[in-house]
All heavy atoms as atom14 arrays in JSON, in Angstrom:
{
  "sequence": "ERLLRASGLEWTILRPSMIHGPDGEFMQMVKGWALGR",
  "atom14_mask": [
    [1, 1, 1, 1, 1, 1, 1, 1, 1, 0, 0, 0, 0, 0],
    [1, 1, 1, 1, 1, 1, 1, 1, 1, 1, 1, 0, 0, 0],
    [1, 1, 1, 1, 1, 1, 1, 1, 0, 0, 0, 0, 0, 0],
    [1, 1, 1, 1, 1, 1, 1, 1, 0, 0, 0, 0, 0, 0],
    [1, 1, 1, 1, 1, 1, 1, 1, 1, 1, 1, 0, 0, 0],
    [1, 1, 1, 1, 1, 0, 0, 0, 0, 0, 0, 0, 0, 0],
    [1, 1, 1, 1, 1, 1, 0, 0, 0, 0, 0, 0, 0, 0],
    [1, 1, 1, 1, 0, 0, 0, 0, 0, 0, 0, 0, 0, 0],
    [1, 1, 1, 1, 1, 1, 1, 1, 0, 0, 0, 0, 0, 0],
    [1, 1, 1, 1, 1, 1, 1, 1, 1, 0, 0, 0, 0, 0],
    [1, 1, 1, 1, 1, 1, 1, 1, 1, 1, 1, 1, 1, 1],
    [1, 1, 1, 1, 1, 1, 1, 0, 0, 0, 0, 0, 0, 0],
    [1, 1, 1, 1, 1, 1, 1, 1, 0, 0, 0, 0, 0, 0],
    [1, 1, 1, 1, 1, 1, 1, 1, 0, 0, 0, 0, 0, 0],
    [1, 1, 1, 1, 1, 1, 1, 1, 1, 1, 1, 0, 0, 0],
    [1, 1, 1, 1, 1, 1, 1, 0, 0, 0, 0, 0, 0, 0],
    [1, 1, 1, 1, 1, 1, 0, 0, 0, 0, 0, 0, 0, 0],
    [1, 1, 1, 1, 1, 1, 1, 1, 0, 0, 0, 0, 0, 0],
    [1, 1, 1, 1, 1, 1, 1, 1, 0, 0, 0, 0, 0, 0],
    [1, 1, 1, 1, 1, 1, 1, 1, 1, 1, 0, 0, 0, 0],
    [1, 1, 1, 1, 0, 0, 0, 0, 0, 0, 0, 0, 0, 0],
    [1, 1, 1, 1, 1, 1, 1, 0, 0, 0, 0, 0, 0, 0],
    [1, 1, 1, 1, 1, 1, 1, 1, 0, 0, 0, 0, 0, 0],
    [1, 1, 1, 1, 0, 0, 0, 0, 0, 0, 0, 0, 0, 0],
    [1, 1, 1, 1, 1, 1, 1, 1, 1, 0, 0, 0, 0, 0],
    [1, 1, 1, 1, 1, 1, 1, 1, 1, 1, 1, 0, 0, 0],
    [1, 1, 1, 1, 1, 1, 1, 1, 0, 0, 0, 0, 0, 0],
    [1, 1, 1, 1, 1, 1, 1, 1, 1, 0, 0, 0, 0, 0],
    [1, 1, 1, 1, 1, 1, 1, 1, 0, 0, 0, 0, 0, 0],
    [1, 1, 1, 1, 1, 1, 1, 0, 0, 0, 0, 0, 0, 0],
    [1, 1, 1, 1, 1, 1, 1, 1, 1, 0, 0, 0, 0, 0],
    [1, 1, 1, 1, 0, 0, 0, 0, 0, 0, 0, 0, 0, 0],
    [1, 1, 1, 1, 1, 1, 1, 1, 1, 1, 1, 1, 1, 1],
    [1, 1, 1, 1, 1, 0, 0, 0, 0, 0, 0, 0, 0, 0],
    [1, 1, 1, 1, 1, 1, 1, 1, 0, 0, 0, 0, 0, 0],
    [1, 1, 1, 1, 0, 0, 0, 0, 0, 0, 0, 0, 0, 0],
    [1, 1, 1, 1, 1, 1, 1, 1, 1, 1, 1, 0, 0, 0]
  ],
  "atom14_positions": [
    [[171.64, 175.17, 62.64], [173.03, 175.41, 62.14], [173.84, 176.08, 63.21], [175.03, 175.72, 63.5], [172.95, 176.31, 60.92], [172.35, 175.75, 59.7], [172.45, 176.79, 58.54], [173.1, 177.79, 58.65], [171.77, 176.45, 57.48], [0.0, 0.0, 0.0], [0.0, 0.0, 0.0], [0.0, 0.0, 0.0], [0.0, 0.0, 0.0], [0.0, 0.0, 0.0]],
    [[173.3, 177.09, 63.97], [174.05, 177.72, 64.99], [174.48, 176.79, 66.1], [175.64, 176.88, 66.61], [173.21, 178.86, 65.6], [173.96, 179.85, 66.56], [173.07, 180.75, 67.2], [172.14, 180.03, 68.14], [172.57, 179.6, 69.37], [173.78, 179.82, 69.74], [171.67, 178.97, 70.15], [0.0, 0.0, 0.0], [0.0, 0.0, 0.0], [0.0, 0.0, 0.0]],
    [[173.64, 175.91, 66.49], [173.96, 174.91, 67.5], [175.08, 174.0, 67.06], [176.0, 173.64, 67.79], [172.69, 174.05, 67.87], [171.57, 174.77, 68.51], [170.41, 173.86, 68.69], [171.98, 175.29, 69.95], [0.0, 0.0, 0.0], [0.0, 0.0, 0.0], [0.0, 0.0, 0.0], [0.0, 0.0, 0.0], [0.0, 0.0, 0.0], [0.0, 0.0, 0.0]],
    [[175.07, 173.61, 65.73], [176.12, 172.81, 65.18], [177.41, 173.51, 65.18], [178.47, 172.83, 65.57], [175.69, 172.39, 63.76], [176.73, 171.52, 62.95], [177.06, 170.3, 63.67], [176.21, 171.27, 61.57], [0.0, 0.0, 0.0], [0.0, 0.0, 0.0], [0.0, 0.0, 0.0], [0.0, 0.0, 0.0], [0.0, 0.0, 0.0], [0.0, 0.0, 0.0]],
    [[177.48, 174.72, 64.78], [178.71, 175.48, 64.79], [179.39, 175.55, 66.13], [180.61, 175.57, 66.25], [178.46, 176.93, 64.32], [178.04, 177.03, 62.75], [177.58, 178.48, 62.51], [177.0, 178.63, 61.25], [177.6, 179.09, 60.2], [178.89, 179.43, 60.3], [177.03, 179.26, 58.94], [0.0, 0.0, 0.0], [0.0, 0.0, 0.0], [0.0, 0.0, 0.0]],
    [[178.57, 175.56, 67.24], [179.11, 175.66, 68.55], [179.34, 174.27, 69.21], [179.77, 174.27, 70.41], [178.12, 176.47, 69.42], [0.0, 0.0, 0.0], [0.0, 0.0, 0.0], [0.0, 0.0, 0.0], [0.0, 0.0, 0.0], [0.0, 0.0, 0.0], [0.0, 0.0, 0.0], [0.0, 0.0, 0.0], [0.0, 0.0, 0.0], [0.0, 0.0, 0.0]],
    [[179.21, 173.23, 68.47], [179.24, 171.94, 69.06], [180.55, 171.34, 69.27], [180.81, 170.4, 70.08], [178.47, 170.93, 68.19], [179.12, 170.76, 66.91], [0.0, 0.0, 0.0], [0.0, 0.0, 0.0], [0.0, 0.0, 0.0], [0.0, 0.0, 0.0], [0.0, 0.0, 0.0], [0.0, 0.0, 0.0], [0.0, 0.0, 0.0], [0.0, 0.0, 0.0]],
    [[181.61, 171.89, 68.58], [182.97, 171.27, 68.64], [183.18, 170.13, 67.65], [184.3, 169.66, 67.51], [0.0, 0.0, 0.0], [0.0, 0.0, 0.0], [0.0, 0.0, 0.0], [0.0, 0.0, 0.0], [0.0, 0.0, 0.0], [0.0, 0.0, 0.0], [0.0, 0.0, 0.0], [0.0, 0.0, 0.0], [0.0, 0.0, 0.0], [0.0, 0.0, 0.0]],
    [[182.16, 169.79, 66.96], [182.34, 168.75, 65.84], [182.83, 169.4, 64.63], [182.78, 170.6, 64.45], [180.97, 168.16, 65.61], [180.31, 167.32, 66.75], [178.94, 166.93, 66.36], [181.14, 165.99, 67.0], [0.0, 0.0, 0.0], [0.0, 0.0, 0.0], [0.0, 0.0, 0.0], [0.0, 0.0, 0.0], [0.0, 0.0, 0.0], [0.0, 0.0, 0.0]],
    [[183.38, 168.59, 63.75], [183.85, 169.03, 62.4], [182.61, 169.0, 61.45], [182.13, 167.91, 61.16], [185.02, 168.16, 61.95], [186.24, 168.22, 62.74], [187.33, 167.22, 62.27], [187.0, 166.39, 61.42], [188.5, 167.38, 62.75], [0.0, 0.0, 0.0], [0.0, 0.0, 0.0], [0.0, 0.0, 0.0], [0.0, 0.0, 0.0], [0.0, 0.0, 0.0]],
    [[182.11, 170.2, 61.16], [180.84, 170.27, 60.5], [180.85, 170.74, 59.06], [181.86, 171.47, 58.67], [179.88, 171.13, 61.31], [180.38, 172.52, 61.57], [181.0, 172.91, 62.72], [180.3, 173.62, 60.75], [181.32, 174.21, 62.59], [180.92, 174.74, 61.38], [179.8, 173.86, 59.45], [181.06, 176.01, 60.85], [179.94, 175.19, 58.87], [180.58, 176.16, 59.56]],
    [[179.9, 170.31, 58.27], [179.6, 170.91, 57.01], [178.11, 171.11, 56.86], [177.34, 170.25, 57.25], [180.08, 169.95, 55.81], [181.51, 169.62, 56.0], [179.75, 170.53, 54.45], [0.0, 0.0, 0.0], [0.0, 0.0, 0.0], [0.0, 0.0, 0.0], [0.0, 0.0, 0.0], [0.0, 0.0, 0.0], [0.0, 0.0, 0.0], [0.0, 0.0, 0.0]],
    [[177.75, 172.27, 56.36], [176.31, 172.63, 56.25], [175.95, 172.69, 54.75], [176.64, 173.44, 53.98], [176.03, 173.97, 56.93], [176.19, 173.79, 58.42], [174.53, 174.39, 56.61], [176.11, 175.12, 59.2], [0.0, 0.0, 0.0], [0.0, 0.0, 0.0], [0.0, 0.0, 0.0], [0.0, 0.0, 0.0], [0.0, 0.0, 0.0], [0.0, 0.0, 0.0]],
    [[174.95, 172.0, 54.32], [174.46, 172.02, 52.92], [173.14, 172.79, 52.94], [172.3, 172.48, 53.74], [174.2, 170.57, 52.38], [175.39, 169.63, 52.44], [174.96, 168.26, 51.96], [176.6, 170.17, 51.75], [0.0, 0.0, 0.0], [0.0, 0.0, 0.0], [0.0, 0.0, 0.0], [0.0, 0.0, 0.0], [0.0, 0.0, 0.0], [0.0, 0.0, 0.0]],
    [[173.04, 173.82, 52.05], [171.79, 174.57, 51.95], [171.23, 174.48, 50.62], [171.42, 175.19, 49.68], [172.12, 176.01, 52.27], [172.42, 176.37, 53.69], [172.69, 177.88, 53.91], [172.85, 178.22, 55.24], [173.31, 179.4, 55.63], [173.51, 180.32, 54.75], [173.49, 179.7, 57.01], [0.0, 0.0, 0.0], [0.0, 0.0, 0.0], [0.0, 0.0, 0.0]],
    [[170.39, 173.38, 50.37], [169.8, 173.21, 49.02], [168.61, 174.14, 48.78], [167.96, 174.6, 49.69], [169.33, 171.76, 49.11], [169.21, 171.41, 50.53], [170.22, 172.34, 51.3], [0.0, 0.0, 0.0], [0.0, 0.0, 0.0], [0.0, 0.0, 0.0], [0.0, 0.0, 0.0], [0.0, 0.0, 0.0], [0.0, 0.0, 0.0], [0.0, 0.0, 0.0]],
    [[168.45, 174.44, 47.49], [167.28, 175.1, 47.05], [166.11, 174.1, 47.01], [166.22, 173.07, 47.61], [167.54, 175.8, 45.66], [167.86, 174.73, 44.71], [0.0, 0.0, 0.0], [0.0, 0.0, 0.0], [0.0, 0.0, 0.0], [0.0, 0.0, 0.0], [0.0, 0.0, 0.0], [0.0, 0.0, 0.0], [0.0, 0.0, 0.0], [0.0, 0.0, 0.0]],
    [[165.09, 174.34, 46.19], [164.03, 173.32, 46.04], [164.68, 172.01, 45.56], [165.35, 171.95, 44.55], [162.98, 173.85, 45.09], [161.91, 172.85, 44.86], [160.74, 173.37, 43.53], [160.06, 174.83, 44.29], [0.0, 0.0, 0.0], [0.0, 0.0, 0.0], [0.0, 0.0, 0.0], [0.0, 0.0, 0.0], [0.0, 0.0, 0.0], [0.0, 0.0, 0.0]],
    [[164.37, 170.96, 46.25], [164.92, 169.63, 45.88], [163.86, 168.81, 45.13], [162.71, 168.74, 45.47], [165.33, 168.8, 47.18], [166.28, 169.64, 48.01], [165.91, 167.51, 46.81], [166.58, 169.0, 49.37], [0.0, 0.0, 0.0], [0.0, 0.0, 0.0], [0.0, 0.0, 0.0], [0.0, 0.0, 0.0], [0.0, 0.0, 0.0], [0.0, 0.0, 0.0]],
    [[164.29, 168.28, 43.99], [163.34, 167.58, 43.14], [163.85, 166.12, 42.88], [165.01, 165.81, 42.95], [163.09, 168.22, 41.81], [164.23, 168.21, 40.84], [164.46, 167.2, 39.9], [165.31, 169.05, 40.72], [165.57, 167.41, 39.24], [166.07, 168.53, 39.67], [0.0, 0.0, 0.0], [0.0, 0.0, 0.0], [0.0, 0.0, 0.0], [0.0, 0.0, 0.0]],
    [[162.81, 165.29, 42.72], [163.04, 163.84, 42.42], [161.72, 163.2, 42.2], [160.62, 163.72, 42.66], [0.0, 0.0, 0.0], [0.0, 0.0, 0.0], [0.0, 0.0, 0.0], [0.0, 0.0, 0.0], [0.0, 0.0, 0.0], [0.0, 0.0, 0.0], [0.0, 0.0, 0.0], [0.0, 0.0, 0.0], [0.0, 0.0, 0.0], [0.0, 0.0, 0.0]],
    [[161.67, 162.04, 41.59], [160.34, 161.36, 41.23], [159.48, 161.03, 42.41], [158.31, 161.01, 42.31], [160.81, 160.09, 40.49], [162.18, 159.89, 40.9], [162.81, 161.24, 41.21], [0.0, 0.0, 0.0], [0.0, 0.0, 0.0], [0.0, 0.0, 0.0], [0.0, 0.0, 0.0], [0.0, 0.0, 0.0], [0.0, 0.0, 0.0], [0.0, 0.0, 0.0]],
    [[160.14, 160.73, 43.58], [159.37, 160.33, 44.74], [159.24, 161.38, 45.81], [158.84, 161.21, 46.98], [159.91, 159.06, 45.39], [161.5, 159.12, 45.52], [162.09, 159.98, 44.94], [162.05, 158.3, 46.26], [0.0, 0.0, 0.0], [0.0, 0.0, 0.0], [0.0, 0.0, 0.0], [0.0, 0.0, 0.0], [0.0, 0.0, 0.0], [0.0, 0.0, 0.0]],
    [[159.5, 162.69, 45.41], [159.54, 163.77, 46.36], [158.06, 164.31, 46.48], [157.27, 164.21, 45.52], [0.0, 0.0, 0.0], [0.0, 0.0, 0.0], [0.0, 0.0, 0.0], [0.0, 0.0, 0.0], [0.0, 0.0, 0.0], [0.0, 0.0, 0.0], [0.0, 0.0, 0.0], [0.0, 0.0, 0.0], [0.0, 0.0, 0.0], [0.0, 0.0, 0.0]],
    [[157.72, 164.94, 47.61], [156.4, 165.37, 47.85], [156.03, 166.44, 46.81], [154.89, 166.54, 46.39], [156.35, 166.02, 49.25], [154.97, 166.46, 49.67], [154.96, 167.13, 51.07], [156.0, 167.04, 51.74], [153.9, 167.6, 51.47], [0.0, 0.0, 0.0], [0.0, 0.0, 0.0], [0.0, 0.0, 0.0], [0.0, 0.0, 0.0], [0.0, 0.0, 0.0]],
    [[157.01, 167.37, 46.43], [156.62, 168.38, 45.52], [156.19, 167.82, 44.14], [155.13, 168.29, 43.55], [157.78, 169.35, 45.32], [157.56, 170.41, 44.33], [156.69, 171.44, 44.59], [158.1, 170.4, 43.03], [156.44, 172.47, 43.62], [157.93, 171.34, 42.12], [157.06, 172.38, 42.37], [0.0, 0.0, 0.0], [0.0, 0.0, 0.0], [0.0, 0.0, 0.0]],
    [[157.0, 166.9, 43.6], [156.63, 166.29, 42.37], [155.3, 165.58, 42.34], [154.52, 165.64, 41.44], [157.73, 165.43, 41.78], [158.9, 166.25, 41.22], [158.52, 167.17, 39.82], [159.99, 168.15, 39.51], [0.0, 0.0, 0.0], [0.0, 0.0, 0.0], [0.0, 0.0, 0.0], [0.0, 0.0, 0.0], [0.0, 0.0, 0.0], [0.0, 0.0, 0.0]],
    [[155.05, 164.89, 43.41], [153.75, 164.18, 43.64], [152.59, 165.19, 43.65], [151.51, 164.94, 43.06], [153.79, 163.4, 44.88], [154.85, 162.29, 44.95], [154.5, 161.15, 43.88], [153.41, 160.91, 43.58], [155.54, 160.63, 43.31], [0.0, 0.0, 0.0], [0.0, 0.0, 0.0], [0.0, 0.0, 0.0], [0.0, 0.0, 0.0], [0.0, 0.0, 0.0]],
    [[152.77, 166.34, 44.26], [151.77, 167.34, 44.34], [151.46, 167.97, 42.95], [150.36, 168.1, 42.55], [152.27, 168.43, 45.27], [151.2, 169.55, 45.52], [151.67, 170.66, 46.91], [153.24, 171.25, 46.36], [0.0, 0.0, 0.0], [0.0, 0.0, 0.0], [0.0, 0.0, 0.0], [0.0, 0.0, 0.0], [0.0, 0.0, 0.0], [0.0, 0.0, 0.0]],
    [[152.58, 168.24, 42.2], [152.42, 168.78, 40.85], [151.7, 167.76, 39.98], [150.81, 168.15, 39.07], [153.69, 169.18, 40.27], [153.53, 169.74, 38.8], [154.37, 170.33, 41.07], [0.0, 0.0, 0.0], [0.0, 0.0, 0.0], [0.0, 0.0, 0.0], [0.0, 0.0, 0.0], [0.0, 0.0, 0.0], [0.0, 0.0, 0.0], [0.0, 0.0, 0.0]],
    [[152.04, 166.56, 40.15], [151.4, 165.45, 39.32], [149.85, 165.52, 39.63], [149.01, 165.42, 38.69], [151.91, 164.16, 39.66], [151.27, 163.02, 38.91], [151.8, 161.61, 39.23], [151.14, 160.48, 38.55], [151.81, 159.17, 38.78], [0.0, 0.0, 0.0], [0.0, 0.0, 0.0], [0.0, 0.0, 0.0], [0.0, 0.0, 0.0], [0.0, 0.0, 0.0]],
    [[149.4, 165.59, 40.86], [147.98, 165.62, 41.23], [147.32, 166.85, 40.59], [146.21, 166.73, 40.09], [0.0, 0.0, 0.0], [0.0, 0.0, 0.0], [0.0, 0.0, 0.0], [0.0, 0.0, 0.0], [0.0, 0.0, 0.0], [0.0, 0.0, 0.0], [0.0, 0.0, 0.0], [0.0, 0.0, 0.0], [0.0, 0.0, 0.0], [0.0, 0.0, 0.0]],
    [[147.96, 167.98, 40.55], [147.38, 169.18, 39.85], [147.29, 169.0, 38.35], [146.31, 169.23, 37.74], [148.27, 170.41, 40.11], [148.26, 170.93, 41.54], [147.31, 170.72, 42.48], [149.3, 171.69, 42.17], [147.67, 171.29, 43.68], [148.86, 171.86, 43.49], [150.54, 172.07, 41.76], [149.69, 172.58, 44.41], [151.38, 172.84, 42.63], [150.87, 173.06, 43.95]],
    [[148.44, 168.48, 37.79], [148.43, 168.35, 36.3], [147.48, 167.34, 35.74], [147.01, 167.47, 34.6], [149.93, 168.04, 35.85], [0.0, 0.0, 0.0], [0.0, 0.0, 0.0], [0.0, 0.0, 0.0], [0.0, 0.0, 0.0], [0.0, 0.0, 0.0], [0.0, 0.0, 0.0], [0.0, 0.0, 0.0], [0.0, 0.0, 0.0], [0.0, 0.0, 0.0]],
    [[147.13, 166.33, 36.53], [146.23, 165.28, 36.13], [144.75, 165.71, 36.6], [143.83, 164.91, 36.38], [146.59, 163.9, 36.64], [147.56, 163.14, 35.71], [148.88, 163.8, 35.57], [147.71, 161.75, 36.36], [0.0, 0.0, 0.0], [0.0, 0.0, 0.0], [0.0, 0.0, 0.0], [0.0, 0.0, 0.0], [0.0, 0.0, 0.0], [0.0, 0.0, 0.0]],
    [[144.65, 166.82, 37.3], [143.31, 167.23, 37.72], [142.8, 166.42, 38.92], [141.58, 166.49, 39.18], [0.0, 0.0, 0.0], [0.0, 0.0, 0.0], [0.0, 0.0, 0.0], [0.0, 0.0, 0.0], [0.0, 0.0, 0.0], [0.0, 0.0, 0.0], [0.0, 0.0, 0.0], [0.0, 0.0, 0.0], [0.0, 0.0, 0.0], [0.0, 0.0, 0.0]],
    [[143.72, 165.72, 39.55], [143.21, 164.85, 40.72], [143.19, 165.53, 42.05], [142.52, 165.13, 42.97], [144.16, 163.59, 40.84], [144.14, 162.72, 39.55], [145.18, 161.65, 39.74], [145.19, 160.73, 38.6], [146.19, 159.85, 38.34], [147.19, 159.7, 39.23], [146.08, 159.02, 37.35], [0.0, 0.0, 0.0], [0.0, 0.0, 0.0], [0.0, 0.0, 0.0]]
  ]
}
């Protein structure tokens, strides 16, 4: 982020919390736990 701020470009920074979705690594991991796999 610091490098971007100093770049001279017109910037926007997005800071997401935990990102979820059906094909995300986290949800796939929870599925493996929940199914005992």
